[in-house]
Amino acid sequence: MIRKPFVFSTRNRFFLTWALGTIPPPHHKNAMRPPIAAGFTSNRDESLWVFFTSLTLALLTAFQFTISSLSLFRLVRAILRQRDIENQGSEKAYFINGTAWIAIATKFGFVETIIGFAGGGFGVTLTRKTVRMLSRACLCVGVVKGCVSRL
């Protein structure tokens, strides 16, 4: 069996460079490759991106503030009703086991969206993710405590 010599055709060069993880050389030695750049093609595009990013963050902040206010209102109302029940000498109980945790979680969520306006690099991103993790942890604890009290 006679083997054909390995020919550097376009197909073979593609598979060879794919296997090695390198960029194939240009077809012409003197060919200029355009530089790889990431960014916006015009100032208008960048302005639109900044506008819509800020608008989205502002809407998220407004939503988080609304939910946070409603959960705090519900917590205060539950505490006041429990005091009224205790003052009347009734044996009824108003369960607020998970409500406080949920209120704390929504506050952390609101703070996390406010931090988003700071912009910045790695430190701000790490802070946002840490606060988001705390928010979700408090939310999970609140849901579990609320569900366990009803079983």
Foldseek 3Di string as FASTA:
>chain_A
DDDDDDDPDVVNQVVVCVVVVHDRDDPDPPDDDDDDDDDDPDVVVVVVVVVVVVVVLVVQLVVLVVVLVVLVVVLVVLVVVQVVCVVVVHPDHRDCFLSVLLSVLSVLSNVLSVLVVVDDDDVSVVVSVVSNVSSVVSNVSSVVRVVVVVD
